[in-house]
Protein backbone atom coordinates (compact mmCIF):
# COMPACT_ATOMS: atom_id res chain seq x y z
CA MET A 1 0.05 -0.07 0.12
CA SER A 2 1.40 3.51 -1.01
CA HIS A 3 1.65 6.36 1.19
CA GLN A 4 -1.06 8.24 -1.08
CA GLU A 5 -3.42 5.36 -0.45
CA GLN A 6 -3.09 5.40 3.26
CA LEU A 7 -4.11 9.02 3.15
CA LEU A 8 -7.26 8.27 1.27
CA PRO A 9 -10.71 8.52 2.89
CA HIS A 10 -12.31 5.18 3.73
CA ASP A 11 -14.83 5.59 1.11
CA ARG A 12 -12.14 6.11 -1.91
CA VAL A 13 -9.52 3.87 -3.36
CA LEU A 14 -6.07 4.65 -5.11
CA ARG A 15 -6.52 3.75 -9.01
CA TYR A 16 -3.47 5.51 -10.44
CA GLU A 17 -0.05 5.98 -8.70
CA PHE A 18 1.67 9.56 -9.64
CA ASN A 19 4.01 8.06 -12.05
CA GLU A 20 1.00 6.43 -13.90
CA ARG A 21 -0.74 9.80 -13.90
CA MET A 22 2.18 11.55 -15.23
CA ASN A 23 3.04 9.25 -17.93
CA HIS A 24 -0.59 9.31 -18.99
CA TRP A 25 -0.62 13.07 -19.44
CA VAL A 26 2.76 13.02 -21.32
CA ALA A 27 1.32 10.57 -23.70
CA ALA A 28 -1.95 12.49 -24.21
CA GLY A 29 -0.15 15.76 -24.69
CA SER A 30 2.31 14.38 -27.29
CA PHE A 31 -0.50 12.66 -29.12
CA ILE A 32 -2.62 15.75 -29.16
CA TYR A 33 0.43 17.60 -30.60
CA LEU A 34 0.87 14.86 -33.26
CA MET A 35 -2.61 14.80 -34.07
CA LEU A 36 -2.92 18.51 -34.78
CA THR A 37 0.58 18.82 -36.60
CA GLY A 38 -0.31 15.43 -38.58
CA LEU A 39 -3.47 16.52 -39.68
CA ALA A 40 -2.03 20.07 -40.78
CA PHE A 41 0.31 18.02 -42.91
CA TRP A 42 -2.31 15.69 -44.29
CA SER A 43 -4.45 18.37 -45.76
CA PRO A 44 -4.12 21.87 -47.11
CA TRP A 45 -7.54 22.67 -45.45
CA LEU A 46 -5.96 22.06 -42.22
CA PHE A 47 -2.39 23.73 -42.62
CA TRP A 48 -3.45 26.67 -40.56
CA ILE A 49 -3.09 24.66 -37.62
CA ALA A 50 0.70 24.38 -38.18
CA SER A 51 0.90 28.24 -38.52
CA ALA A 52 -0.89 28.43 -35.04
CA LEU A 53 1.55 26.13 -33.50
CA GLY A 54 4.57 28.19 -34.58
CA GLY A 55 4.68 27.81 -38.11
CA ALA A 56 5.18 24.78 -40.52
CA GLU A 57 8.90 25.05 -40.34
CA LEU A 58 8.70 24.46 -36.51
CA SER A 59 5.90 22.01 -36.68
CA ARG A 60 7.96 19.86 -39.14
CA MET A 61 10.88 19.88 -37.02
CA LEU A 62 9.14 19.24 -33.91
CA HIS A 63 6.53 16.49 -35.01
CA PRO A 64 9.12 13.46 -35.23
CA TRP A 65 10.72 14.38 -31.95
CA ILE A 66 7.48 14.59 -30.16
CA GLY A 67 6.64 11.38 -31.89
CA LEU A 68 9.58 9.78 -30.17
CA VAL A 69 8.20 11.04 -26.75
CA PHE A 70 4.84 9.74 -27.38
CA PHE A 71 6.52 6.22 -28.29
CA VAL A 72 8.51 6.07 -25.02
CA ALA A 73 5.48 7.03 -23.13
CA VAL A 74 3.47 4.17 -24.66
CA CYS A 75 6.22 1.76 -24.06
CA TYR A 76 6.38 2.97 -20.47
CA MET A 77 2.52 2.16 -20.21
CA PHE A 78 3.04 -1.21 -21.57
CA ALA A 79 5.69 -1.87 -18.80
CA LEU A 80 2.87 -0.64 -16.17
CA TRP A 81 -0.28 -2.09 -17.41
CA SER A 82 0.26 -4.87 -19.96
CA ARG A 83 0.23 -7.71 -17.43
CA GLN A 84 -3.42 -6.32 -16.50
CA MET A 85 -4.66 -6.03 -20.04
CA ASN A 86 -4.92 -9.80 -21.03
CA PHE A 87 -8.20 -10.84 -22.36
CA ASP A 88 -10.33 -13.38 -20.27
CA SER A 89 -13.77 -15.12 -20.34
CA VAL A 90 -15.30 -12.05 -18.68
CA ASP A 91 -14.13 -9.83 -21.68
CA ALA A 92 -15.88 -11.98 -23.91
CA GLN A 93 -19.18 -11.72 -22.22
CA TRP A 94 -18.61 -8.15 -21.86
CA TRP A 95 -18.36 -7.74 -25.49
CA LYS A 96 -21.74 -9.74 -25.82
CA SER A 97 -23.32 -7.10 -23.69
CA LEU A 98 -21.83 -4.09 -25.15
CA HIS A 99 -25.41 -2.73 -25.90
CA TYR A 100 -26.06 -2.43 -22.18
CA TYR A 101 -22.84 -0.34 -21.69
CA ILE A 102 -23.90 2.05 -24.40
CA GLN A 103 -27.06 2.28 -22.71
CA ASN A 104 -25.65 2.73 -19.29
CA GLN A 105 -27.38 -0.31 -18.00
CA ASP A 106 -24.34 -1.04 -15.82
CA ASP A 107 -26.13 -3.69 -13.64
CA LYS A 108 -26.47 -5.78 -16.67
CA MET A 109 -22.89 -5.87 -17.33
CA PRO A 110 -20.51 -8.65 -16.56
CA PRO A 111 -18.14 -7.88 -13.42
CA ALA A 112 -15.28 -6.19 -15.19
CA GLY A 113 -11.84 -5.95 -13.45
CA ARG A 114 -9.78 -3.04 -13.06
CA TYR A 115 -10.05 -2.50 -16.91
CA ASN A 116 -12.85 -3.66 -19.27
CA ALA A 117 -12.75 -5.17 -22.36
CA GLY A 118 -12.95 -2.06 -24.02
CA GLN A 119 -10.24 -0.32 -22.33
CA LYS A 120 -7.97 -3.20 -22.94
CA LEU A 121 -8.69 -3.19 -26.42
CA LEU A 122 -7.79 0.55 -26.57
CA PHE A 123 -4.68 -0.13 -24.86
CA TRP A 124 -3.24 -2.65 -27.27
CA SER A 125 -4.64 -0.30 -30.24
CA PHE A 126 -2.33 2.35 -29.14
CA PHE A 127 0.39 0.07 -28.17
CA GLY A 128 0.42 -1.70 -31.85
CA GLY A 129 -0.36 1.71 -33.24
CA ALA A 130 2.75 3.46 -31.77
CA ILE A 131 5.07 0.87 -33.24
CA LEU A 132 3.47 1.42 -36.75
CA LEU A 133 3.46 5.02 -36.34
CA LEU A 134 7.43 4.83 -35.20
CA ALA A 135 8.25 2.43 -37.95
CA SER A 136 6.77 4.25 -40.71
CA GLY A 137 7.55 7.49 -39.21
CA VAL A 138 11.29 6.68 -39.17
CA VAL A 139 11.29 5.85 -42.96
CA LEU A 140 9.49 9.09 -43.74
CA TRP A 141 11.99 11.10 -41.62
CA PHE A 142 14.86 9.66 -43.37
CA THR A 143 13.52 9.06 -47.01
CA GLU A 144 16.43 10.96 -48.37
CA SER A 145 18.78 8.30 -46.83
CA LEU A 146 17.38 5.38 -48.49
CA PRO A 147 18.78 3.88 -51.42
CA TRP A 148 17.01 4.24 -54.58
CA SER A 149 16.01 0.50 -54.68
CA LEU A 150 14.31 0.92 -51.18
CA ARG A 151 12.37 4.39 -52.18
CA TRP A 152 9.25 2.16 -52.50
CA MET A 153 9.00 1.97 -48.68
CA ARG A 154 8.59 5.54 -48.70
CA TYR A 155 4.94 5.05 -50.38
CA ILE A 156 4.00 2.22 -48.27
CA SER A 157 5.04 4.24 -45.04
CA VAL A 158 2.81 7.21 -46.07
CA VAL A 159 -0.17 4.86 -46.19
CA VAL A 160 0.47 3.06 -43.03
CA HIS A 161 1.33 6.29 -41.11
CA ALA A 162 -1.81 8.06 -42.13
CA GLY A 163 -4.12 5.15 -41.86
CA THR A 164 -2.68 4.37 -38.29
CA ALA A 165 -2.67 7.97 -37.36
CA LEU A 166 -6.39 8.18 -38.33
CA LEU A 167 -7.45 5.00 -36.64
CA LEU A 168 -5.62 6.25 -33.22
CA ILE A 169 -7.51 9.59 -33.51
CA GLY A 170 -11.06 7.75 -33.68
CA ASN A 171 -9.69 5.54 -30.81
CA PHE A 172 -8.58 8.77 -28.96
CA MET A 173 -12.19 10.14 -29.32
CA ILE A 174 -13.72 7.04 -27.98
CA HIS A 175 -11.11 7.19 -25.26
CA ILE A 176 -12.13 10.77 -24.27
CA TYR A 177 -16.09 9.70 -24.35
CA MET A 178 -15.45 6.78 -22.00
CA GLY A 179 -13.40 8.68 -19.63
CA VAL A 180 -15.68 11.83 -19.48
CA PHE A 181 -19.33 10.48 -19.94
CA ALA A 182 -19.26 6.55 -20.24
CA GLU A 183 -17.88 5.98 -16.77
CA ARG A 184 -18.22 9.38 -14.65
CA GLY A 185 -15.41 9.80 -12.45
CA ALA A 186 -12.80 8.20 -14.70
CA PHE A 187 -11.30 11.67 -15.72
CA GLY A 188 -10.79 12.61 -12.25
CA SER A 189 -8.95 9.49 -11.47
CA VAL A 190 -6.16 10.37 -14.01
CA ILE A 191 -5.66 13.93 -12.25
CA ARG A 192 -6.01 13.16 -8.38
CA GLY A 193 -5.27 9.34 -8.84
CA ASP A 194 -8.29 8.07 -6.71
CA VAL A 195 -11.78 7.10 -7.36
CA SER A 196 -14.84 6.35 -4.95
CA LEU A 197 -15.59 3.06 -3.98
CA ALA A 198 -19.06 3.61 -5.61
CA PHE A 199 -17.37 4.01 -8.75
CA ALA A 200 -15.31 0.78 -8.51
CA LYS A 201 -18.54 -1.05 -7.53
CA ARG A 202 -20.49 0.20 -10.42
CA TYR A 203 -18.14 0.23 -13.48
CA HIS A 204 -15.70 -2.33 -12.04
CA PRO A 205 -17.25 -4.60 -10.09
CA GLY A 206 -14.58 -7.50 -10.36
CA TRP A 207 -11.95 -5.04 -9.25
CA TYR A 208 -14.21 -3.61 -6.27
CA LYS A 209 -14.45 -7.36 -5.12
CA GLU A 210 -10.68 -7.49 -4.90
CA ILE A 211 -10.50 -4.41 -3.16
CA VAL A 212 -12.97 -5.38 -0.21
CA ALA A 213 -11.28 -8.95 -0.26
CA ASN A 214 -8.00 -7.36 0.66
CA SER A 215 -8.90 -4.75 2.98
CA ASN A 216 -11.06 -4.04 5.86
CA ARG A 217 -13.63 -1.89 3.95
CA PRO A 218 -17.23 -2.55 4.19
CA LYS A 219 -18.94 -4.44 1.45
């Protein structure tokens, strides 16, 4: 039990340690910058975004370096959470009950653990996506260094980079919806670090049972 957890009120539980929260915001901030500058490069209609962020030259210079920051943050997330992101039988039931989740009928959902199946899929999509963005981004970054016989890699990388970026942007929007609207209280947990026991019991009953079983908290 961490020092922060010991100081929490009896009706609250620690969900994210300080290092988890800081890394989350580093990943989020770098992704938002990459999203905005990437969209500016992708469409002439959005090029004004690059101008608003300091100009096209600065944006083009910083984009790959911020990409490296994002990749390192995602790798740290993998080290922190990958063991908790394995899919199990409860996750299979969760997908079958997805329509109840969309309708906010949480009492009809299977008992999700600390992370539900949707959050696990989101995690793996960002991990896999970060690898694809890095691999394709490095090719685009050093295109001029490629021998002529390998220039075809540039065209593949353009498609992979743009396609992966658009997929992750869609997933990012879903992540915002889930954190702000679908699970009320989740957004605050990545700021303060804690959630109420009522939150755990409603949205992650499997995790709630673990909390109660490993503490002297009332059921």
